[in-house]
Amino acid sequence: MSETLLKVHAVETYYGNIRALAGVDVEVKRGEIVSLIGANGAGKSTLMMTICGSPQARTGTITFDGQDITRLPTHEIARLRVAQSPEGRRIFPRMTVYENLQMGASLDKLKHFDEDVEKIYTLFPRLKERQAQRGGTLSGGEQQMLSIGRALMARPKLLLLDEPSLGLAPLIVKQIFDAIKVLNKEQGLTVFLVEQNAFAALKLSDRGYVMVNGRVTMSGSGKELLANPEVRAAYLEGGRH
C-alpha cells in the first residue's frame, strides 16, 4: 500500500456562521489521481481552498507529507510543494505566457526554469506558440493550459486541479485530461482533482469521493463509482456511459 501524501480528517470550514464543510475525511496516496465530484455548491472548491490555507479549517486536521499544515499560511503550504490550478484559472492577464510561467517558478528563484519551461511546452505545445502573448488574450482552453503549466513550474509533490474542464470544448477537455494522465504516469505526479465532469474525472482516477452539502457521502475506486447506480443517476445520466 503506497503511503498517504495528503490526509484531511474531520475538517469543518466556515464562511462567517455558515458551515461549508461538515467533518470531511479525504485521503490521497502518493502517485494517485483522486477525484472529488459533486453538484455545484457542494463544497468541492472550499475543500481545495482549505487545503491551501485560505480559508483555514475551523476544526479537524490536514496533514501533507507527514506534516500538519492545518494552521499554516498559504505561502508556506506552497513552499512544501502543494500547487493549485484554481477554479476560474486566475492567470495574470497582463503578463505574457512566458512571464506567467516565470511566476510559477518563483518559489525556486527560477533555478530550474529553462529545463522546466521546455517540459511545459512539450506538454502544451500551444503555449510555446503563444509564449509572447498576454495571458488575457488567450482562449479559455489556452488559459487553462497556462494555469496548469504555471502550477507545474513550482515542481509540486501534489497538484490540486479545480474544475479544469469548466466551460471548455470537448476536444480541449480531452487534451487537458490526456496531459494529466501523462503527468501522473510518466512523472509519478500525485493529483487531486475537483471536477463537475464526473465521467471524465472518474475514468481518469484511481479513486474518487462524492460530496453532497459539505459532506463526503461516498468513496471508492474510479471504476466502482462509475458503476454505482446512485452516482450514475445523480451525475452521469444524460452523459456518456
C-alpha atoms as a PDB file:
ATOM      1  CA  MET A   1       0.000   0.000   0.000  1.00  0.00           C
ATOM      2  CA  SER A   2       1.562   3.322  -1.037  1.00  0.00           C
ATOM      3  CA  GLU A   3       1.933   5.924   1.664  1.00  0.00           C
ATOM      4  CA  THR A   4      -0.546   8.713   2.293  1.00  0.00           C
ATOM      5  CA  LEU A   5       0.585  12.093   0.945  1.00  0.00           C
ATOM      6  CA  LEU A   6      -2.489  14.160   1.903  1.00  0.00           C
ATOM      7  CA  LYS A   7      -4.879  13.384   4.742  1.00  0.00           C
ATOM      8  CA  VAL A   8      -7.899  15.552   5.535  1.00  0.00           C
ATOM      9  CA  HIS A   9      -9.531  14.465   8.797  1.00  0.00           C
ATOM     10  CA  ALA A  10     -12.838  15.702  10.287  1.00  0.00           C
ATOM     11  CA  VAL A  11     -12.407  19.130   8.676  1.00  0.00           C
ATOM     12  CA  GLU A  12     -15.048  21.812   9.170  1.00  0.00           C
ATOM     13  CA  THR A  13     -14.759  25.124   7.325  1.00  0.00           C
ATOM     14  CA  TYR A  14     -16.984  28.152   7.822  1.00  0.00           C
ATOM     15  CA  TYR A  15     -17.725  31.371   5.967  1.00  0.00           C
ATOM     16  CA  GLY A  16     -18.839  33.533   8.880  1.00  0.00           C
ATOM     17  CA  ASN A  17     -21.561  31.469  10.570  1.00  0.00           C
ATOM     18  CA  ILE A  18     -22.240  29.310   7.519  1.00  0.00           C
ATOM     19  CA  ARG A  19     -20.685  25.852   7.644  1.00  0.00           C
ATOM     20  CA  ALA A  20     -19.349  24.974   4.200  1.00  0.00           C
ATOM     21  CA  LEU A  21     -17.569  21.716   5.118  1.00  0.00           C
ATOM     22  CA  ALA A  22     -19.048  19.386   7.730  1.00  0.00           C
ATOM     23  CA  GLY A  23     -16.488  16.887   9.012  1.00  0.00           C
ATOM     24  CA  VAL A  24     -14.738  15.958   5.761  1.00  0.00           C
ATOM     25  CA  ASP A  25     -12.364  12.967   5.538  1.00  0.00           C
ATOM     26  CA  VAL A  26     -10.297  12.545   2.375  1.00  0.00           C
ATOM     27  CA  GLU A  27      -7.023  10.753   1.690  1.00  0.00           C
ATOM     28  CA  VAL A  28      -4.689  10.951  -1.306  1.00  0.00           C
ATOM     29  CA  LYS A  29      -1.827   8.457  -1.575  1.00  0.00           C
ATOM     30  CA  ARG A  30       1.454   9.225  -3.289  1.00  0.00           C
ATOM     31  CA  GLY A  31       1.258   8.639  -7.046  1.00  0.00           C
ATOM     32  CA  GLU A  32      -2.555   8.536  -7.224  1.00  0.00           C
ATOM     33  CA  ILE A  33      -5.097  10.535  -9.167  1.00  0.00           C
ATOM     34  CA  VAL A  34      -8.068  11.117  -6.863  1.00  0.00           C
ATOM     35  CA  SER A  35     -11.190  12.980  -7.926  1.00  0.00           C
ATOM     36  CA  LEU A  36     -13.860  14.753  -5.931  1.00  0.00           C
ATOM     37  CA  ILE A  37     -17.218  15.008  -7.673  1.00  0.00           C
ATOM     38  CA  GLY A  38     -20.489  16.620  -6.655  1.00  0.00           C
ATOM     39  CA  ALA A  39     -23.081  19.183  -7.665  1.00  0.00           C
ATOM     40  CA  ASN A  40     -22.415  22.904  -7.857  1.00  0.00           C
ATOM     41  CA  GLY A  41     -22.187  24.386  -4.373  1.00  0.00           C
ATOM     42  CA  ALA A  42     -21.418  21.034  -2.678  1.00  0.00           C
ATOM     43  CA  GLY A  43     -18.248  22.457  -1.109  1.00  0.00           C
ATOM     44  CA  LYS A  44     -15.658  20.990  -3.502  1.00  0.00           C
ATOM     45  CA  SER A  45     -13.790  24.252  -4.162  1.00  0.00           C
ATOM     46  CA  THR A  46     -13.975  25.167  -0.466  1.00  0.00           C
ATOM     47  CA  LEU A  47     -12.123  21.936   0.330  1.00  0.00           C
ATOM     48  CA  MET A  48      -9.433  22.783  -2.227  1.00  0.00           C
ATOM     49  CA  MET A  49      -9.004  26.273  -0.775  1.00  0.00           C
ATOM     50  CA  THR A  50      -8.979  24.940   2.805  1.00  0.00           C
ATOM     51  CA  ILE A  51      -6.137  22.543   1.906  1.00  0.00           C
ATOM     52  CA  CYS A  52      -4.233  25.624   0.673  1.00  0.00           C
ATOM     53  CA  GLY A  53      -4.952  27.524   3.891  1.00  0.00           C
ATOM     54  CA  SER A  54      -7.469  30.112   2.743  1.00  0.00           C
ATOM     55  CA  PRO A  55      -9.929  29.833   4.450  1.00  0.00           C
ATOM     56  CA  GLN A  56      -8.383  27.794   7.268  1.00  0.00           C
ATOM     57  CA  ALA A  57     -10.237  24.830   8.745  1.00  0.00           C
ATOM     58  CA  ARG A  58     -12.035  25.727  11.988  1.00  0.00           C
ATOM     59  CA  THR A  59     -11.802  22.151  13.285  1.00  0.00           C
ATOM     60  CA  GLY A  60     -10.092  18.958  12.137  1.00  0.00           C
ATOM     61  CA  THR A  61      -6.606  18.409  10.735  1.00  0.00           C
ATOM     62  CA  ILE A  62      -4.895  18.498   7.345  1.00  0.00           C
ATOM     63  CA  THR A  63      -1.616  16.594   7.037  1.00  0.00           C
ATOM     64  CA  PHE A  64       0.650  16.804   3.994  1.00  0.00           C
ATOM     65  CA  ASP A  65       3.716  14.582   3.585  1.00  0.00           C
ATOM     66  CA  GLY A  66       3.663  13.808   7.321  1.00  0.00           C
ATOM     67  CA  GLN A  67       3.405  17.464   8.404  1.00  0.00           C
ATOM     68  CA  ASP A  68       0.367  19.157   9.983  1.00  0.00           C
ATOM     69  CA  ILE A  69      -0.463  22.093   7.673  1.00  0.00           C
ATOM     70  CA  THR A  70      -3.875  22.954   9.161  1.00  0.00           C
ATOM     71  CA  ARG A  71      -2.746  26.319  10.568  1.00  0.00           C
ATOM     72  CA  LEU A  72      -0.039  27.211   8.054  1.00  0.00           C
ATOM     73  CA  PRO A  73      -0.431  30.312   5.852  1.00  0.00           C
ATOM     74  CA  THR A  74      -0.894  29.710   2.117  1.00  0.00           C
ATOM     75  CA  HIS A  75       2.643  30.737   1.073  1.00  0.00           C
ATOM     76  CA  GLU A  76       4.195  28.237   3.495  1.00  0.00           C
ATOM     77  CA  ILE A  77       1.941  25.453   2.176  1.00  0.00           C
ATOM     78  CA  ALA A  78       3.075  26.360  -1.359  1.00  0.00           C
ATOM     79  CA  ARG A  79       6.717  26.048  -0.234  1.00  0.00           C
ATOM     80  CA  LEU A  80       6.022  22.460   0.811  1.00  0.00           C
ATOM     81  CA  ARG A  81       5.260  21.745  -2.894  1.00  0.00           C
ATOM     82  CA  VAL A  82       1.477  21.943  -2.957  1.00  0.00           C
ATOM     83  CA  ALA A  83       0.449  23.722  -6.168  1.00  0.00           C
ATOM     84  CA  GLN A  84      -3.049  24.683  -7.244  1.00  0.00           C
ATOM     85  CA  SER A  85      -4.657  25.448 -10.578  1.00  0.00           C
ATOM     86  CA  PRO A  86      -7.712  27.245  -9.178  1.00  0.00           C
ATOM     87  CA  GLU A  87     -11.260  27.411 -10.461  1.00  0.00           C
ATOM     88  CA  GLY A  88     -11.559  30.254 -12.970  1.00  0.00           C
ATOM     89  CA  ARG A  89      -7.844  29.858 -13.918  1.00  0.00           C
ATOM     90  CA  ARG A  90      -6.738  33.175 -12.326  1.00  0.00           C
ATOM     91  CA  ILE A  91      -3.735  33.684 -14.564  1.00  0.00           C
ATOM     92  CA  PHE A  92      -2.090  37.123 -14.726  1.00  0.00           C
ATOM     93  CA  PRO A  93      -3.922  38.636 -17.728  1.00  0.00           C
ATOM     94  CA  ARG A  94      -1.473  41.498 -18.413  1.00  0.00           C
ATOM     95  CA  MET A  95       1.584  39.259 -18.286  1.00  0.00           C
ATOM     96  CA  THR A  96       2.742  37.161 -21.205  1.00  0.00           C
ATOM     97  CA  VAL A  97       2.513  33.377 -21.179  1.00  0.00           C
ATOM     98  CA  TYR A  98       6.264  33.261 -20.512  1.00  0.00           C
ATOM     99  CA  GLU A  99       6.006  35.700 -17.593  1.00  0.00           C
ATOM    100  CA  ASN A 100       3.103  33.732 -16.079  1.00  0.00           C
ATOM    101  CA  LEU A 101       5.283  30.612 -16.153  1.00  0.00           C
ATOM    102  CA  GLN A 102       8.118  32.586 -14.507  1.00  0.00           C
ATOM    103  CA  MET A 103       5.730  33.482 -11.676  1.00  0.00           C
ATOM    104  CA  GLY A 104       5.048  29.774 -11.167  1.00  0.00           C
ATOM    105  CA  ALA A 105       8.780  29.083 -10.876  1.00  0.00           C
ATOM    106  CA  SER A 106       9.472  31.975  -8.482  1.00  0.00           C
ATOM    107  CA  LEU A 107       9.407  29.701  -5.382  1.00  0.00           C
ATOM    108  CA  ASP A 108      12.650  28.172  -6.650  1.00  0.00           C
ATOM    109  CA  LYS A 109      14.044  31.564  -7.695  1.00  0.00           C
ATOM    110  CA  LEU A 110      13.882  30.305 -11.330  1.00  0.00           C
ATOM    111  CA  LYS A 111      16.605  27.737 -10.585  1.00  0.00           C
ATOM    112  CA  HIS A 112      15.240  25.094 -12.988  1.00  0.00           C
ATOM    113  CA  PHE A 113      13.309  27.495 -15.196  1.00  0.00           C
ATOM    114  CA  ASP A 114      14.776  26.745 -18.644  1.00  0.00           C
ATOM    115  CA  GLU A 115      14.517  22.989 -18.193  1.00  0.00           C
ATOM    116  CA  ASP A 116      11.002  23.135 -16.740  1.00  0.00           C
ATOM    117  CA  VAL A 117       9.556  25.570 -19.259  1.00  0.00           C
ATOM    118  CA  GLU A 118      10.568  23.209 -22.076  1.00  0.00           C
ATOM    119  CA  LYS A 119       8.664  20.388 -20.327  1.00  0.00           C
ATOM    120  CA  ILE A 120       5.564  22.594 -20.176  1.00  0.00           C
ATOM    121  CA  TYR A 121       5.925  23.473 -23.864  1.00  0.00           C
ATOM    122  CA  THR A 122       6.203  19.753 -24.701  1.00  0.00           C
ATOM    123  CA  LEU A 123       3.073  19.034 -22.656  1.00  0.00           C
ATOM    124  CA  PHE A 124       1.152  22.014 -24.107  1.00  0.00           C
ATOM    125  CA  PRO A 125       2.689  22.975 -27.481  1.00  0.00           C
ATOM    126  CA  ARG A 126       0.088  25.730 -27.863  1.00  0.00           C
ATOM    127  CA  LEU A 127       1.727  27.653 -25.007  1.00  0.00           C
ATOM    128  CA  LYS A 128       5.052  27.674 -26.863  1.00  0.00           C
ATOM    129  CA  GLU A 129       3.321  29.223 -29.880  1.00  0.00           C
ATOM    130  CA  ARG A 130       1.744  31.833 -27.598  1.00  0.00           C
ATOM    131  CA  GLN A 131       4.673  32.483 -25.257  1.00  0.00           C
ATOM    132  CA  ALA A 132       4.947  36.207 -26.087  1.00  0.00           C
ATOM    133  CA  GLN A 133       1.171  36.772 -25.936  1.00  0.00           C
ATOM    134  CA  ARG A 134      -0.567  38.317 -22.939  1.00  0.00           C
ATOM    135  CA  GLY A 135      -2.486  35.815 -20.833  1.00  0.00           C
ATOM    136  CA  GLY A 136      -5.713  37.797 -21.073  1.00  0.00           C
ATOM    137  CA  THR A 137      -5.809  37.436 -24.868  1.00  0.00           C
ATOM    138  CA  LEU A 138      -5.684  33.619 -24.836  1.00  0.00           C
ATOM    139  CA  SER A 139      -8.698  31.381 -25.430  1.00  0.00           C
ATOM    140  CA  GLY A 140     -10.318  29.665 -22.429  1.00  0.00           C
ATOM    141  CA  GLY A 141      -8.575  26.391 -23.192  1.00  0.00           C
ATOM    142  CA  GLU A 142      -5.179  28.073 -23.569  1.00  0.00           C
ATOM    143  CA  GLN A 143      -5.695  29.908 -20.273  1.00  0.00           C
ATOM    144  CA  GLN A 144      -6.469  26.587 -18.580  1.00  0.00           C
ATOM    145  CA  MET A 145      -3.281  25.070 -20.023  1.00  0.00           C
ATOM    146  CA  LEU A 146      -1.372  28.109 -18.741  1.00  0.00           C
ATOM    147  CA  SER A 147      -2.917  27.819 -15.282  1.00  0.00           C
ATOM    148  CA  ILE A 148      -1.864  24.151 -15.060  1.00  0.00           C
ATOM    149  CA  GLY A 149       1.546  24.941 -16.547  1.00  0.00           C
ATOM    150  CA  ARG A 150       2.144  27.725 -14.037  1.00  0.00           C
ATOM    151  CA  ALA A 151       1.271  25.340 -11.169  1.00  0.00           C
ATOM    152  CA  LEU A 152       3.648  22.690 -12.572  1.00  0.00           C
ATOM    153  CA  MET A 153       6.532  25.178 -12.697  1.00  0.00           C
ATOM    154  CA  ALA A 154       6.605  25.007  -8.892  1.00  0.00           C
ATOM    155  CA  ARG A 155       7.633  21.315  -9.172  1.00  0.00           C
ATOM    156  CA  PRO A 156       4.769  20.167  -6.945  1.00  0.00           C
ATOM    157  CA  LYS A 157       4.530  16.938  -4.990  1.00  0.00           C
ATOM    158  CA  LEU A 158       0.756  17.428  -5.095  1.00  0.00           C
ATOM    159  CA  LEU A 159      -1.175  19.166  -7.865  1.00  0.00           C
ATOM    160  CA  LEU A 160      -4.645  20.440  -6.963  1.00  0.00           C
ATOM    161  CA  LEU A 161      -6.851  20.969 -10.012  1.00  0.00           C
ATOM    162  CA  ASP A 162     -10.138  22.786  -9.505  1.00  0.00           C
ATOM    163  CA  GLU A 163     -12.630  22.346 -12.379  1.00  0.00           C
ATOM    164  CA  PRO A 164     -10.048  22.119 -15.199  1.00  0.00           C
ATOM    165  CA  SER A 165     -12.699  21.309 -17.850  1.00  0.00           C
ATOM    166  CA  LEU A 166     -15.203  24.041 -16.921  1.00  0.00           C
ATOM    167  CA  GLY A 167     -16.571  25.840 -19.970  1.00  0.00           C
ATOM    168  CA  LEU A 168     -14.178  24.203 -22.435  1.00  0.00           C
ATOM    169  CA  ALA A 169     -14.875  22.484 -25.742  1.00  0.00           C
ATOM    170  CA  PRO A 170     -14.749  18.644 -25.650  1.00  0.00           C
ATOM    171  CA  LEU A 171     -11.557  18.475 -27.729  1.00  0.00           C
ATOM    172  CA  ILE A 172      -9.728  20.814 -25.329  1.00  0.00           C
ATOM    173  CA  VAL A 173     -11.081  18.867 -22.343  1.00  0.00           C
ATOM    174  CA  LYS A 174      -9.581  15.694 -23.837  1.00  0.00           C
ATOM    175  CA  GLN A 175      -6.197  17.423 -24.255  1.00  0.00           C
ATOM    176  CA  ILE A 176      -6.252  18.607 -20.622  1.00  0.00           C
ATOM    177  CA  PHE A 177      -7.195  15.169 -19.258  1.00  0.00           C
ATOM    178  CA  ASP A 178      -4.611  13.461 -21.502  1.00  0.00           C
ATOM    179  CA  ALA A 179      -1.966  15.825 -20.079  1.00  0.00           C
ATOM    180  CA  ILE A 180      -2.990  14.947 -16.505  1.00  0.00           C
ATOM    181  CA  LYS A 181      -2.664  11.254 -17.371  1.00  0.00           C
ATOM    182  CA  VAL A 182       0.834  11.784 -18.820  1.00  0.00           C
ATOM    183  CA  LEU A 183       1.989  13.756 -15.750  1.00  0.00           C
ATOM    184  CA  ASN A 184       0.765  11.006 -13.458  1.00  0.00           C
ATOM    185  CA  LYS A 185       2.017   8.008 -15.436  1.00  0.00           C
ATOM    186  CA  GLU A 186       5.349   9.351 -16.674  1.00  0.00           C
ATOM    187  CA  GLN A 187       6.348  11.666 -13.822  1.00  0.00           C
ATOM    188  CA  GLY A 188       4.509   9.999 -10.945  1.00  0.00           C
ATOM    189  CA  LEU A 189       2.754  13.266 -10.078  1.00  0.00           C
ATOM    190  CA  THR A 190       0.037  12.989  -7.420  1.00  0.00           C
ATOM    191  CA  VAL A 191      -3.153  14.762  -8.497  1.00  0.00           C
ATOM    192  CA  PHE A 192      -6.264  15.749  -6.532  1.00  0.00           C
ATOM    193  CA  LEU A 193      -8.967  16.785  -8.960  1.00  0.00           C
ATOM    194  CA  VAL A 194     -12.264  18.602  -8.370  1.00  0.00           C
ATOM    195  CA  GLU A 195     -14.468  18.188 -11.412  1.00  0.00           C
ATOM    196  CA  GLN A 196     -18.102  18.513 -12.465  1.00  0.00           C
ATOM    197  CA  ASN A 197     -17.457  16.310 -15.486  1.00  0.00           C
ATOM    198  CA  ALA A 198     -17.881  13.166 -13.352  1.00  0.00           C
ATOM    199  CA  PHE A 199     -17.472  10.704 -16.212  1.00  0.00           C
ATOM    200  CA  ALA A 200     -14.111  12.073 -17.374  1.00  0.00           C
ATOM    201  CA  ALA A 201     -12.819  12.514 -13.820  1.00  0.00           C
ATOM    202  CA  LEU A 202     -13.722   9.026 -12.566  1.00  0.00           C
ATOM    203  CA  LYS A 203     -12.464   7.373 -15.754  1.00  0.00           C
ATOM    204  CA  LEU A 204      -9.070   9.014 -15.162  1.00  0.00           C
ATOM    205  CA  SER A 205      -8.915   8.437 -11.387  1.00  0.00           C
ATOM    206  CA  ASP A 206      -7.606   5.651  -9.187  1.00  0.00           C
ATOM    207  CA  ARG A 207     -10.157   6.616  -6.542  1.00  0.00           C
ATOM    208  CA  GLY A 208     -12.940   9.110  -6.070  1.00  0.00           C
ATOM    209  CA  TYR A 209     -15.110  10.803  -3.463  1.00  0.00           C
ATOM    210  CA  VAL A 210     -18.647  12.163  -3.791  1.00  0.00           C
ATOM    211  CA  MET A 211     -19.505  15.347  -1.895  1.00  0.00           C
ATOM    212  CA  VAL A 212     -23.040  16.490  -1.036  1.00  0.00           C
ATOM    213  CA  ASN A 213     -23.740  19.605   1.058  1.00  0.00           C
ATOM    214  CA  GLY A 214     -20.258  19.814   2.547  1.00  0.00           C
ATOM    215  CA  ARG A 215     -20.022  16.110   3.434  1.00  0.00           C
ATOM    216  CA  VAL A 216     -18.340  13.163   1.750  1.00  0.00           C
ATOM    217  CA  THR A 217     -21.179  10.704   1.189  1.00  0.00           C
ATOM    218  CA  MET A 218     -19.418   8.017  -0.837  1.00  0.00           C
ATOM    219  CA  SER A 219     -15.964   6.848  -1.866  1.00  0.00           C
ATOM    220  CA  GLY A 220     -14.455   4.057  -3.915  1.00  0.00           C
ATOM    221  CA  SER A 221     -12.273   3.292  -6.906  1.00  0.00           C
ATOM    222  CA  GLY A 222     -12.996   5.246 -10.081  1.00  0.00           C
ATOM    223  CA  LYS A 223     -14.466   2.077 -11.642  1.00  0.00           C
ATOM    224  CA  GLU A 224     -16.691   1.367  -8.614  1.00  0.00           C
ATOM    225  CA  LEU A 225     -18.126   4.866  -8.583  1.00  0.00           C
ATOM    226  CA  LEU A 226     -18.695   4.838 -12.367  1.00  0.00           C
ATOM    227  CA  ALA A 227     -20.709   1.644 -11.937  1.00  0.00           C
ATOM    228  CA  ASN A 228     -22.614   2.798  -8.826  1.00  0.00           C
ATOM    229  CA  PRO A 229     -26.343   3.293  -9.604  1.00  0.00           C
ATOM    230  CA  GLU A 230     -26.671   6.326  -7.295  1.00  0.00           C
ATOM    231  CA  VAL A 231     -23.655   8.033  -8.845  1.00  0.00           C
ATOM    232  CA  ARG A 232     -24.910   7.224 -12.340  1.00  0.00           C
ATOM    233  CA  ALA A 233     -28.348   8.634 -11.579  1.00  0.00           C
ATOM    234  CA  ALA A 234     -27.080  11.809  -9.945  1.00  0.00           C
ATOM    235  CA  TYR A 235     -24.004  12.686 -12.043  1.00  0.00           C
ATOM    236  CA  LEU A 236     -23.819  10.520 -15.170  1.00  0.00           C
ATOM    237  CA  GLU A 237     -27.347  10.267 -16.608  1.00  0.00           C
ATOM    238  CA  GLY A 238     -27.531  12.097 -19.890  1.00  0.00           C
ATOM    239  CA  GLY A 239     -23.746  11.910 -20.085  1.00  0.00           C
ATOM    240  CA  ARG A 240     -21.628   9.157 -21.560  1.00  0.00           C
ATOM    241  CA  HIS A 241     -21.811   5.645 -20.156  1.00  0.00           C
END
